[in-house]
């Protein structure tokens, strides 16, 4: 497999009801994941060197759905399906992170 241009990881973590930590699943991460998958297919990103993976917990559960983009290591939080096109257009294709969706600095502390 060739090294991807960008690798997008979308948290789809769920937790049992009553768990002390929330989860991205509680915040409709499935629709965010589906929006990325649909856009990757529509734009033929799969064959253009981009990779998309659903993953477990990325950390900031209370701010989800969380999305992490490599190789930059840029974390987005609160990503809704309507944000997916913007992330692809600005970050994946033009290397400009979407400022309004960036995780707060303390996520990395």
PDB file of N, CA and C in Angstrom:
ATOM      1  N   UNK A   1       0.843  -1.178   0.000  1.00  0.00           N
ATOM      2  CA  UNK A   1       0.000   0.000   0.000  1.00  0.00           C
ATOM      3  C   UNK A   1       0.888   1.242   0.000  1.00  0.00           C
ATOM      4  N   UNK A   2       0.662   2.182  -0.897  1.00  0.00           N
ATOM      5  CA  UNK A   2       1.457   3.411  -0.898  1.00  0.00           C
ATOM      6  C   UNK A   2       1.072   4.306   0.286  1.00  0.00           C
ATOM      7  N   UNK A   3       2.016   5.122   0.701  1.00  0.00           N
ATOM      8  CA  UNK A   3       1.762   6.058   1.796  1.00  0.00           C
ATOM      9  C   UNK A   3       0.678   7.044   1.355  1.00  0.00           C
ATOM     10  N   UNK A   4      -0.370   7.238   2.192  1.00  0.00           N
ATOM     11  CA  UNK A   4      -1.436   8.159   1.795  1.00  0.00           C
ATOM     12  C   UNK A   4      -1.003   9.621   1.863  1.00  0.00           C
ATOM     13  N   UNK A   5      -1.624  10.450   1.021  1.00  0.00           N
ATOM     14  CA  UNK A   5      -1.400  11.894   1.091  1.00  0.00           C
ATOM     15  C   UNK A   5      -1.900  12.417   2.431  1.00  0.00           C
ATOM     16  N   UNK A   6      -3.087  12.004   2.793  1.00  0.00           N
ATOM     17  CA  UNK A   6      -3.708  12.350   4.069  1.00  0.00           C
ATOM     18  C   UNK A   6      -4.449  11.122   4.560  1.00  0.00           C
ATOM     19  N   UNK A   7      -4.494  10.977   5.877  1.00  0.00           N
ATOM     20  CA  UNK A   7      -5.236   9.879   6.494  1.00  0.00           C
ATOM     21  C   UNK A   7      -6.195  10.509   7.492  1.00  0.00           C
ATOM     22  N   UNK A   8      -7.482  10.291   7.284  1.00  0.00           N
ATOM     23  CA  UNK A   8      -8.529  10.839   8.137  1.00  0.00           C
ATOM     24  C   UNK A   8      -9.057   9.732   9.039  1.00  0.00           C
ATOM     25  N   UNK A   9      -9.019   9.983  10.347  1.00  0.00           N
ATOM     26  CA  UNK A   9      -9.550   9.030  11.316  1.00  0.00           C
ATOM     27  C   UNK A   9     -10.786   9.649  11.961  1.00  0.00           C
ATOM     28  N   UNK A  10     -11.897   8.943  11.911  1.00  0.00           N
ATOM     29  CA  UNK A  10     -13.153   9.426  12.475  1.00  0.00           C
ATOM     30  C   UNK A  10     -13.525   8.537  13.656  1.00  0.00           C
ATOM     31  N   UNK A  11     -13.673   9.141  14.827  1.00  0.00           N
ATOM     32  CA  UNK A  11     -14.038   8.375  16.018  1.00  0.00           C
ATOM     33  C   UNK A  11     -15.484   7.896  15.906  1.00  0.00           C
ATOM     34  N   UNK A  12     -15.679   6.620  16.168  1.00  0.00           N
ATOM     35  CA  UNK A  12     -17.032   6.044  16.207  1.00  0.00           C
ATOM     36  C   UNK A  12     -17.248   5.312  17.542  1.00  0.00           C
ATOM     37  N   UNK A  13     -16.501   5.732  18.572  1.00  0.00           N
ATOM     38  CA  UNK A  13     -16.538   5.097  19.885  1.00  0.00           C
ATOM     39  C   UNK A  13     -17.917   5.210  20.526  1.00  0.00           C
ATOM     40  N   UNK A  14     -18.384   4.096  21.049  1.00  0.00           N
ATOM     41  CA  UNK A  14     -19.612   4.077  21.834  1.00  0.00           C
ATOM     42  C   UNK A  14     -19.302   3.543  23.220  1.00  0.00           C
ATOM     43  N   UNK A  15     -20.115   3.937  24.186  1.00  0.00           N
ATOM     44  CA  UNK A  15     -19.967   3.435  25.553  1.00  0.00           C
ATOM     45  C   UNK A  15     -21.343   3.079  26.094  1.00  0.00           C
ATOM     46  N   UNK A  16     -21.394   2.195  27.076  1.00  0.00           N
ATOM     47  CA  UNK A  16     -22.684   1.818  27.656  1.00  0.00           C
ATOM     48  C   UNK A  16     -23.376   3.015  28.310  1.00  0.00           C
ATOM     49  N   UNK A  17     -24.674   2.962  28.324  1.00  0.00           N
ATOM     50  CA  UNK A  17     -25.469   3.987  28.995  1.00  0.00           C
ATOM     51  C   UNK A  17     -25.030   4.083  30.456  1.00  0.00           C
ATOM     52  N   UNK A  18     -24.883   5.297  30.950  1.00  0.00           N
ATOM     53  CA  UNK A  18     -24.470   5.506  32.326  1.00  0.00           C
ATOM     54  C   UNK A  18     -22.970   5.576  32.530  1.00  0.00           C
ATOM     55  N   UNK A  19     -22.189   5.341  31.477  1.00  0.00           N
ATOM     56  CA  UNK A  19     -20.726   5.435  31.590  1.00  0.00           C
ATOM     57  C   UNK A  19     -20.360   6.877  31.950  1.00  0.00           C
ATOM     58  N   UNK A  20     -19.359   7.072  32.828  1.00  0.00           N
ATOM     59  CA  UNK A  20     -19.012   8.429  33.265  1.00  0.00           C
ATOM     60  C   UNK A  20     -18.467   9.341  32.158  1.00  0.00           C
ATOM     61  N   UNK A  21     -17.939   8.755  31.085  1.00  0.00           N
ATOM     62  CA  UNK A  21     -17.477   9.570  29.962  1.00  0.00           C
ATOM     63  C   UNK A  21     -18.503   9.482  28.838  1.00  0.00           C
ATOM     64  N   UNK A  22     -18.722  10.593  28.181  1.00  0.00           N
ATOM     65  CA  UNK A  22     -19.599  10.550  27.016  1.00  0.00           C
ATOM     66  C   UNK A  22     -18.852   9.856  25.875  1.00  0.00           C
ATOM     67  N   UNK A  23     -19.469   9.804  24.710  1.00  0.00           N
ATOM     68  CA  UNK A  23     -18.795   9.194  23.565  1.00  0.00           C
ATOM     69  C   UNK A  23     -19.214   9.897  22.288  1.00  0.00           C
ATOM     70  N   UNK A  24     -18.411   9.718  21.265  1.00  0.00           N
ATOM     71  CA  UNK A  24     -18.750  10.306  19.970  1.00  0.00           C
ATOM     72  C   UNK A  24     -20.034   9.687  19.426  1.00  0.00           C
ATOM     73  N   UNK A  25     -20.299   8.433  19.774  1.00  0.00           N
ATOM     74  CA  UNK A  25     -21.523   7.776  19.316  1.00  0.00           C
ATOM     75  C   UNK A  25     -22.762   8.523  19.810  1.00  0.00           C
ATOM     76  N   UNK A  26     -22.700   9.043  21.026  1.00  0.00           N
ATOM     77  CA  UNK A  26     -23.812   9.826  21.578  1.00  0.00           C
ATOM     78  C   UNK A  26     -24.025  11.122  20.811  1.00  0.00           C
ATOM     79  N   UNK A  27     -23.022  11.538  20.063  1.00  0.00           N
ATOM     80  CA  UNK A  27     -23.078  12.802  19.328  1.00  0.00           C
ATOM     81  C   UNK A  27     -23.201  12.576  17.821  1.00  0.00           C
ATOM     82  N   UNK A  28     -23.794  11.460  17.456  1.00  0.00           N
ATOM     83  CA  UNK A  28     -24.117  11.166  16.046  1.00  0.00           C
ATOM     84  C   UNK A  28     -22.897  11.055  15.137  1.00  0.00           C
ATOM     85  N   UNK A  29     -21.839  10.422  15.637  1.00  0.00           N
ATOM     86  CA  UNK A  29     -20.626  10.255  14.832  1.00  0.00           C
ATOM     87  C   UNK A  29     -20.873   9.397  13.589  1.00  0.00           C
ATOM     88  N   UNK A  30     -21.873   8.519  13.641  1.00  0.00           N
ATOM     89  CA  UNK A  30     -22.145   7.655  12.475  1.00  0.00           C
ATOM     90  C   UNK A  30     -22.480   8.491  11.245  1.00  0.00           C
ATOM     91  N   UNK A  31     -23.219   9.597  11.434  1.00  0.00           N
ATOM     92  CA  UNK A  31     -23.537  10.431  10.265  1.00  0.00           C
ATOM     93  C   UNK A  31     -22.319  11.182   9.765  1.00  0.00           C
ATOM     94  N   UNK A  32     -21.419  11.562  10.674  1.00  0.00           N
ATOM     95  CA  UNK A  32     -20.177  12.214  10.248  1.00  0.00           C
ATOM     96  C   UNK A  32     -19.320  11.221   9.467  1.00  0.00           C
ATOM     97  N   UNK A  33     -19.208  10.007   9.989  1.00  0.00           N
ATOM     98  CA  UNK A  33     -18.458   8.953   9.291  1.00  0.00           C
ATOM     99  C   UNK A  33     -19.046   8.709   7.907  1.00  0.00           C
ATOM    100  N   UNK A  34     -20.368   8.597   7.827  1.00  0.00           N
ATOM    101  CA  UNK A  34     -21.024   8.327   6.541  1.00  0.00           C
ATOM    102  C   UNK A  34     -20.800   9.470   5.559  1.00  0.00           C
ATOM    103  N   UNK A  35     -20.830  10.700   6.053  1.00  0.00           N
ATOM    104  CA  UNK A  35     -20.597  11.856   5.175  1.00  0.00           C
ATOM    105  C   UNK A  35     -19.178  11.812   4.595  1.00  0.00           C
ATOM    106  N   UNK A  36     -18.186  11.474   5.428  1.00  0.00           N
ATOM    107  CA  UNK A  36     -16.810  11.336   4.912  1.00  0.00           C
ATOM    108  C   UNK A  36     -16.750  10.223   3.871  1.00  0.00           C
ATOM    109  N   UNK A  37     -17.329   9.083   4.177  1.00  0.00           N
ATOM    110  CA  UNK A  37     -17.294   7.948   3.255  1.00  0.00           C
ATOM    111  C   UNK A  37     -17.954   8.307   1.919  1.00  0.00           C
ATOM    112  N   UNK A  38     -19.103   8.963   1.990  1.00  0.00           N
ATOM    113  CA  UNK A  38     -19.803   9.370   0.763  1.00  0.00           C
ATOM    114  C   UNK A  38     -18.971  10.353  -0.054  1.00  0.00           C
ATOM    115  N   UNK A  39     -18.375  11.328   0.613  1.00  0.00           N
ATOM    116  CA  UNK A  39     -17.554  12.320  -0.096  1.00  0.00           C
ATOM    117  C   UNK A  39     -16.304  11.684  -0.699  1.00  0.00           C
ATOM    118  N   UNK A  40     -15.680  10.765   0.027  1.00  0.00           N
ATOM    119  CA  UNK A  40     -14.507  10.069  -0.513  1.00  0.00           C
ATOM    120  C   UNK A  40     -14.889   9.324  -1.795  1.00  0.00           C
ATOM    121  N   UNK A  41     -16.059   8.712  -1.792  1.00  0.00           N
ATOM    122  CA  UNK A  41     -16.515   7.976  -2.976  1.00  0.00           C
ATOM    123  C   UNK A  41     -16.860   8.934  -4.106  1.00  0.00           C
ATOM    124  N   UNK A  42     -17.655   9.949  -3.811  1.00  0.00           N
ATOM    125  CA  UNK A  42     -18.078  10.916  -4.835  1.00  0.00           C
ATOM    126  C   UNK A  42     -16.897  11.609  -5.492  1.00  0.00           C
ATOM    127  N   UNK A  43     -15.907  11.966  -4.695  1.00  0.00           N
ATOM    128  CA  UNK A  43     -14.749  12.713  -5.202  1.00  0.00           C
ATOM    129  C   UNK A  43     -13.593  11.804  -5.649  1.00  0.00           C
ATOM    130  N   UNK A  44     -13.793  10.493  -5.563  1.00  0.00           N
ATOM    131  CA  UNK A  44     -12.778   9.515  -5.948  1.00  0.00           C
ATOM    132  C   UNK A  44     -11.471   9.689  -5.147  1.00  0.00           C
ATOM    133  N   UNK A  45     -11.613  10.055  -3.882  1.00  0.00           N
ATOM    134  CA  UNK A  45     -10.433  10.256  -3.040  1.00  0.00           C
ATOM    135  C   UNK A  45      -9.753   8.942  -2.686  1.00  0.00           C
ATOM    136  N   UNK A  46     -10.535   7.858  -2.648  1.00  0.00           N
ATOM    137  CA  UNK A  46      -9.952   6.541  -2.352  1.00  0.00           C
ATOM    138  C   UNK A  46      -8.825   6.222  -3.336  1.00  0.00           C
ATOM    139  N   UNK A  47      -9.046   6.526  -4.596  1.00  0.00           N
ATOM    140  CA  UNK A  47      -8.068   6.199  -5.639  1.00  0.00           C
ATOM    141  C   UNK A  47      -7.054   7.321  -5.860  1.00  0.00           C
ATOM    142  N   UNK A  48      -7.192   8.403  -5.088  1.00  0.00           N
ATOM    143  CA  UNK A  48      -6.313   9.562  -5.281  1.00  0.00           C
ATOM    144  C   UNK A  48      -5.287   9.716  -4.177  1.00  0.00           C
ATOM    145  N   UNK A  49      -5.106   8.674  -3.372  1.00  0.00           N
ATOM    146  CA  UNK A  49      -4.062   8.712  -2.358  1.00  0.00           C
ATOM    147  C   UNK A  49      -4.513   9.146  -0.977  1.00  0.00           C
ATOM    148  N   UNK A  50      -5.832   9.171  -0.739  1.00  0.00           N
ATOM    149  CA  UNK A  50      -6.355   9.553   0.569  1.00  0.00           C
ATOM    150  C   UNK A  50      -6.928   8.312   1.244  1.00  0.00           C
ATOM    151  N   UNK A  51      -6.824   8.302   2.582  1.00  0.00           N
ATOM    152  CA  UNK A  51      -7.320   7.151   3.328  1.00  0.00           C
ATOM    153  C   UNK A  51      -8.278   7.624   4.417  1.00  0.00           C
ATOM    154  N   UNK A  52      -9.305   6.817   4.677  1.00  0.00           N
ATOM    155  CA  UNK A  52     -10.319   7.106   5.685  1.00  0.00           C
ATOM    156  C   UNK A  52     -10.485   5.873   6.557  1.00  0.00           C
ATOM    157  N   UNK A  53     -10.441   6.075   7.875  1.00  0.00           N
ATOM    158  CA  UNK A  53     -10.562   4.961   8.814  1.00  0.00           C
ATOM    159  C   UNK A  53     -11.499   5.350   9.940  1.00  0.00           C
ATOM    160  N   UNK A  54     -12.426   4.438  10.297  1.00  0.00           N
ATOM    161  CA  UNK A  54     -13.188   4.673  11.516  1.00  0.00           C
ATOM    162  C   UNK A  54     -12.386   4.072  12.653  1.00  0.00           C
ATOM    163  N   UNK A  55     -12.432   4.718  13.802  1.00  0.00           N
ATOM    164  CA  UNK A  55     -11.554   4.322  14.897  1.00  0.00           C
ATOM    165  C   UNK A  55     -12.266   4.432  16.229  1.00  0.00           C
ATOM    166  N   UNK A  56     -11.642   3.881  17.237  1.00  0.00           N
ATOM    167  CA  UNK A  56     -12.126   4.028  18.602  1.00  0.00           C
ATOM    168  C   UNK A  56     -11.752   5.406  19.132  1.00  0.00           C
ATOM    169  N   UNK A  57     -11.796   5.523  20.428  1.00  0.00           N
ATOM    170  CA  UNK A  57     -11.637   6.804  21.114  1.00  0.00           C
ATOM    171  C   UNK A  57     -10.358   7.543  20.721  1.00  0.00           C
ATOM    172  N   UNK A  58     -10.536   8.828  20.400  1.00  0.00           N
ATOM    173  CA  UNK A  58      -9.406   9.701  20.093  1.00  0.00           C
ATOM    174  C   UNK A  58      -9.088  10.632  21.268  1.00  0.00           C
ATOM    175  N   UNK A  59      -9.909  10.592  22.311  1.00  0.00           N
ATOM    176  CA  UNK A  59      -9.600  11.360  23.520  1.00  0.00           C
ATOM    177  C   UNK A  59     -10.656  12.330  23.999  1.00  0.00           C
ATOM    178  N   UNK A  60     -10.968  13.379  23.232  1.00  0.00           N
ATOM    179  CA  UNK A  60     -11.884  14.399  23.748  1.00  0.00           C
ATOM    180  C   UNK A  60     -13.371  14.028  23.538  1.00  0.00           C
ATOM    181  N   UNK A  61     -13.804  13.001  24.254  1.00  0.00           N
ATOM    182  CA  UNK A  61     -15.158  12.464  24.069  1.00  0.00           C
ATOM    183  C   UNK A  61     -16.252  13.522  24.241  1.00  0.00           C
ATOM    184  N   UNK A  62     -16.059  14.410  25.195  1.00  0.00           N
ATOM    185  CA  UNK A  62     -17.069  15.424  25.487  1.00  0.00           C
ATOM    186  C   UNK A  62     -17.183  16.466  24.377  1.00  0.00           C
ATOM    187  N   UNK A  63     -16.244  16.475  23.440  1.00  0.00           N
ATOM    188  CA  UNK A  63     -16.246  17.451  22.350  1.00  0.00           C
ATOM    189  C   UNK A  63     -16.555  16.828  20.986  1.00  0.00           C
ATOM    190  N   UNK A  64     -16.884  15.551  20.972  1.00  0.00           N
ATOM    191  CA  UNK A  64     -17.056  14.830  19.717  1.00  0.00           C
ATOM    192  C   UNK A  64     -18.217  15.310  18.876  1.00  0.00           C
ATOM    193  N   UNK A  65     -18.339  14.733  17.714  1.00  0.00           N
ATOM    194  CA  UNK A  65     -17.470  13.765  17.069  1.00  0.00           C
ATOM    195  C   UNK A  65     -16.083  14.332  16.758  1.00  0.00           C
ATOM    196  N   UNK A  66     -15.079  13.503  17.016  1.00  0.00           N
ATOM    197  CA  UNK A  66     -13.690  13.897  16.805  1.00  0.00           C
ATOM    198  C   UNK A  66     -13.142  13.298  15.518  1.00  0.00           C
ATOM    199  N   UNK A  67     -12.327  14.087  14.844  1.00  0.00           N
ATOM    200  CA  UNK A  67     -11.687  13.669  13.589  1.00  0.00           C
ATOM    201  C   UNK A  67     -10.223  14.080  13.678  1.00  0.00           C
ATOM    202  N   UNK A  68      -9.340  13.176  13.288  1.00  0.00           N
ATOM    203  CA  UNK A  68      -7.901  13.433  13.324  1.00  0.00           C
ATOM    204  C   UNK A  68      -7.352  13.252  11.918  1.00  0.00           C
ATOM    205  N   UNK A  69      -6.562  14.225  11.463  1.00  0.00           N
ATOM    206  CA  UNK A  69      -5.998  14.180  10.113  1.00  0.00           C
ATOM    207  C   UNK A  69      -4.478  14.102  10.205  1.00  0.00           C
ATOM    208  N   UNK A  70      -3.933  13.077   9.569  1.00  0.00           N
ATOM    209  CA  UNK A  70      -2.485  12.893   9.471  1.00  0.00           C
ATOM    210  C   UNK A  70      -2.062  13.069   8.032  1.00  0.00           C
ATOM    211  N   UNK A  71      -0.836  13.515   7.765  1.00  0.00           N
ATOM    212  CA  UNK A  71       0.303  13.464   8.663  1.00  0.00           C
ATOM    213  C   UNK A  71       0.430  14.656   9.610  1.00  0.00           C
ATOM    214  N   UNK A  72      -0.420  15.669   9.497  1.00  0.00           N
ATOM    215  CA  UNK A  72      -0.265  16.873  10.301  1.00  0.00           C
ATOM    216  C   UNK A  72      -0.594  16.675  11.775  1.00  0.00           C
ATOM    217  N   UNK A  73      -1.454  15.709  12.086  1.00  0.00           N
ATOM    218  CA  UNK A  73      -1.879  15.526  13.463  1.00  0.00           C
ATOM    219  C   UNK A  73      -2.861  16.596  13.899  1.00  0.00           C
ATOM    220  N   UNK A  74      -3.717  17.027  12.989  1.00  0.00           N
ATOM    221  CA  UNK A  74      -4.707  18.060  13.289  1.00  0.00           C
ATOM    222  C   UNK A  74      -5.977  17.389  13.806  1.00  0.00           C
ATOM    223  N   UNK A  75      -6.418  17.826  14.995  1.00  0.00           N
ATOM    224  CA  UNK A  75      -7.629  17.285  15.611  1.00  0.00           C
ATOM    225  C   UNK A  75      -8.776  18.279  15.438  1.00  0.00           C
ATOM    226  N   UNK A  76      -9.887  17.758  14.939  1.00  0.00           N
ATOM    227  CA  UNK A  76     -11.119  18.529  14.846  1.00  0.00           C
ATOM    228  C   UNK A  76     -12.110  17.952  15.841  1.00  0.00           C
ATOM    229  N   UNK A  77     -12.934  18.822  16.428  1.00  0.00           N
ATOM    230  CA  UNK A  77     -13.970  18.362  17.348  1.00  0.00           C
ATOM    231  C   UNK A  77     -15.308  18.966  16.954  1.00  0.00           C
ATOM    232  N   UNK A  78     -16.370  18.289  17.374  1.00  0.00           N
ATOM    233  CA  UNK A  78     -17.718  18.767  17.060  1.00  0.00           C
ATOM    234  C   UNK A  78     -18.022  18.733  15.576  1.00  0.00           C
ATOM    235  N   UNK A  79     -17.431  17.782  14.858  1.00  0.00           N
ATOM    236  CA  UNK A  79     -17.584  17.723  13.399  1.00  0.00           C
ATOM    237  C   UNK A  79     -18.950  17.139  13.040  1.00  0.00           C
ATOM    238  N   UNK A  80     -19.697  17.917  12.287  1.00  0.00           N
ATOM    239  CA  UNK A  80     -21.022  17.500  11.818  1.00  0.00           C
ATOM    240  C   UNK A  80     -20.927  17.122  10.334  1.00  0.00           C
ATOM    241  N   UNK A  81     -21.891  16.371   9.835  1.00  0.00           N
ATOM    242  CA  UNK A  81     -21.844  15.991   8.414  1.00  0.00           C
ATOM    243  C   UNK A  81     -21.679  17.189   7.480  1.00  0.00           C
ATOM    244  N   UNK A  82     -22.300  18.310   7.811  1.00  0.00           N
ATOM    245  CA  UNK A  82     -22.197  19.488   6.940  1.00  0.00           C
ATOM    246  C   UNK A  82     -20.806  20.125   6.960  1.00  0.00           C
ATOM    247  N   UNK A  83     -19.932  19.725   7.898  1.00  0.00           N
ATOM    248  CA  UNK A  83     -18.556  20.235   7.953  1.00  0.00           C
ATOM    249  C   UNK A  83     -17.590  19.432   7.086  1.00  0.00           C
ATOM    250  N   UNK A  84     -17.989  18.241   6.693  1.00  0.00           N
ATOM    251  CA  UNK A  84     -17.090  17.314   6.004  1.00  0.00           C
ATOM    252  C   UNK A  84     -16.569  17.885   4.689  1.00  0.00           C
ATOM    253  N   UNK A  85     -17.424  18.456   3.882  1.00  0.00           N
ATOM    254  CA  UNK A  85     -16.995  19.039   2.602  1.00  0.00           C
ATOM    255  C   UNK A  85     -15.964  20.132   2.794  1.00  0.00           C
ATOM    256  N   UNK A  86     -16.149  20.940   3.836  1.00  0.00           N
ATOM    257  CA  UNK A  86     -15.203  22.022   4.124  1.00  0.00           C
ATOM    258  C   UNK A  86     -13.844  21.456   4.530  1.00  0.00           C
ATOM    259  N   UNK A  87     -13.840  20.421   5.377  1.00  0.00           N
ATOM    260  CA  UNK A  87     -12.571  19.799   5.780  1.00  0.00           C
ATOM    261  C   UNK A  87     -11.850  19.233   4.559  1.00  0.00           C
ATOM    262  N   UNK A  88     -12.595  18.589   3.677  1.00  0.00           N
ATOM    263  CA  UNK A  88     -11.975  18.031   2.470  1.00  0.00           C
ATOM    264  C   UNK A  88     -11.460  19.144   1.569  1.00  0.00           C
ATOM    265  N   UNK A  89     -12.322  20.137   1.293  1.00  0.00           N
ATOM    266  CA  UNK A  89     -11.935  21.222   0.390  1.00  0.00           C
ATOM    267  C   UNK A  89     -10.746  22.024   0.902  1.00  0.00           C
ATOM    268  N   UNK A  90     -10.771  22.381   2.172  1.00  0.00           N
ATOM    269  CA  UNK A  90      -9.736  23.264   2.700  1.00  0.00           C
ATOM    270  C   UNK A  90      -8.498  22.518   3.207  1.00  0.00           C
ATOM    271  N   UNK A  91      -8.706  21.454   3.984  1.00  0.00           N
ATOM    272  CA  UNK A  91      -7.558  20.795   4.603  1.00  0.00           C
ATOM    273  C   UNK A  91      -6.969  19.700   3.713  1.00  0.00           C
ATOM    274  N   UNK A  92      -7.784  18.752   3.313  1.00  0.00           N
ATOM    275  CA  UNK A  92      -7.229  17.637   2.548  1.00  0.00           C
ATOM    276  C   UNK A  92      -6.676  18.089   1.209  1.00  0.00           C
ATOM    277  N   UNK A  93      -7.391  18.933   0.514  1.00  0.00           N
ATOM    278  CA  UNK A  93      -6.970  19.313  -0.835  1.00  0.00           C
ATOM    279  C   UNK A  93      -6.037  20.518  -0.892  1.00  0.00           C
ATOM    280  N   UNK A  94      -6.131  21.427   0.118  1.00  0.00           N
ATOM    281  CA  UNK A  94      -5.327  22.651   0.061  1.00  0.00           C
ATOM    282  C   UNK A  94      -4.511  22.920   1.322  1.00  0.00           C
ATOM    283  N   UNK A  95      -4.382  21.923   2.198  1.00  0.00           N
ATOM    284  CA  UNK A  95      -3.510  22.014   3.379  1.00  0.00           C
ATOM    285  C   UNK A  95      -3.810  23.196   4.300  1.00  0.00           C
ATOM    286  N   UNK A  96      -5.061  23.626   4.336  1.00  0.00           N
ATOM    287  CA  UNK A  96      -5.454  24.724   5.221  1.00  0.00           C
ATOM    288  C   UNK A  96      -6.428  24.188   6.270  1.00  0.00           C
ATOM    289  N   UNK A  97      -5.964  23.954   7.506  1.00  0.00           N
ATOM    290  CA  UNK A  97      -6.874  23.469   8.542  1.00  0.00           C
ATOM    291  C   UNK A  97      -8.072  24.408   8.718  1.00  0.00           C
ATOM    292  N   UNK A  98      -9.193  23.837   9.073  1.00  0.00           N
ATOM    293  CA  UNK A  98     -10.438  24.591   9.265  1.00  0.00           C
ATOM    294  C   UNK A  98     -10.441  25.112  10.704  1.00  0.00           C
ATOM    295  N   UNK A  99     -10.088  26.368  10.860  1.00  0.00           N
ATOM    296  CA  UNK A  99      -9.881  26.980  12.182  1.00  0.00           C
ATOM    297  C   UNK A  99     -11.071  26.796  13.122  1.00  0.00           C
ATOM    298  N   UNK A 100     -12.279  27.000  12.654  1.00  0.00           N
ATOM    299  CA  UNK A 100     -13.455  26.973  13.536  1.00  0.00           C
ATOM    300  C   UNK A 100     -13.728  25.593  14.130  1.00  0.00           C
ATOM    301  N   UNK A 101     -13.129  24.548  13.549  1.00  0.00           N
ATOM    302  CA  UNK A 101     -13.356  23.190  14.045  1.00  0.00           C
ATOM    303  C   UNK A 101     -12.157  22.616  14.807  1.00  0.00           C
ATOM    304  N   UNK A 102     -11.073  23.376  14.902  1.00  0.00           N
ATOM    305  CA  UNK A 102      -9.880  22.863  15.577  1.00  0.00           C
ATOM    306  C   UNK A 102     -10.164  22.584  17.046  1.00  0.00           C
ATOM    307  N   UNK A 103      -9.627  21.483  17.527  1.00  0.00           N
ATOM    308  CA  UNK A 103      -9.757  21.141  18.942  1.00  0.00           C
ATOM    309  C   UNK A 103      -9.058  22.207  19.781  1.00  0.00           C
ATOM    310  N   UNK A 104      -9.606  22.491  20.956  1.00  0.00           N
ATOM    311  CA  UNK A 104      -8.932  23.450  21.834  1.00  0.00           C
ATOM    312  C   UNK A 104      -7.522  22.966  22.185  1.00  0.00           C
ATOM    313  N   UNK A 105      -6.628  23.899  22.423  1.00  0.00           N
ATOM    314  CA  UNK A 105      -5.227  23.571  22.704  1.00  0.00           C
ATOM    315  C   UNK A 105      -5.076  22.620  23.886  1.00  0.00           C
ATOM    316  N   UNK A 106      -5.955  22.720  24.882  1.00  0.00           N
ATOM    317  CA  UNK A 106      -5.813  21.875  26.070  1.00  0.00           C
ATOM    318  C   UNK A 106      -6.116  20.399  25.810  1.00  0.00           C
ATOM    319  N   UNK A 107      -6.667  20.076  24.637  1.00  0.00           N
ATOM    320  CA  UNK A 107      -6.878  18.670  24.272  1.00  0.00           C
ATOM    321  C   UNK A 107      -5.544  17.944  24.212  1.00  0.00           C
ATOM    322  N   UNK A 108      -4.508  18.662  23.799  1.00  0.00           N
ATOM    323  CA  UNK A 108      -3.182  18.064  23.635  1.00  0.00           C
ATOM    324  C   UNK A 108      -2.320  18.199  24.884  1.00  0.00           C
ATOM    325  N   UNK A 109      -2.852  18.808  25.942  1.00  0.00           N
ATOM    326  CA  UNK A 109      -2.056  19.030  27.170  1.00  0.00           C
ATOM    327  C   UNK A 109      -1.882  17.761  27.975  1.00  0.00           C
TER     328      UNK A 109
END
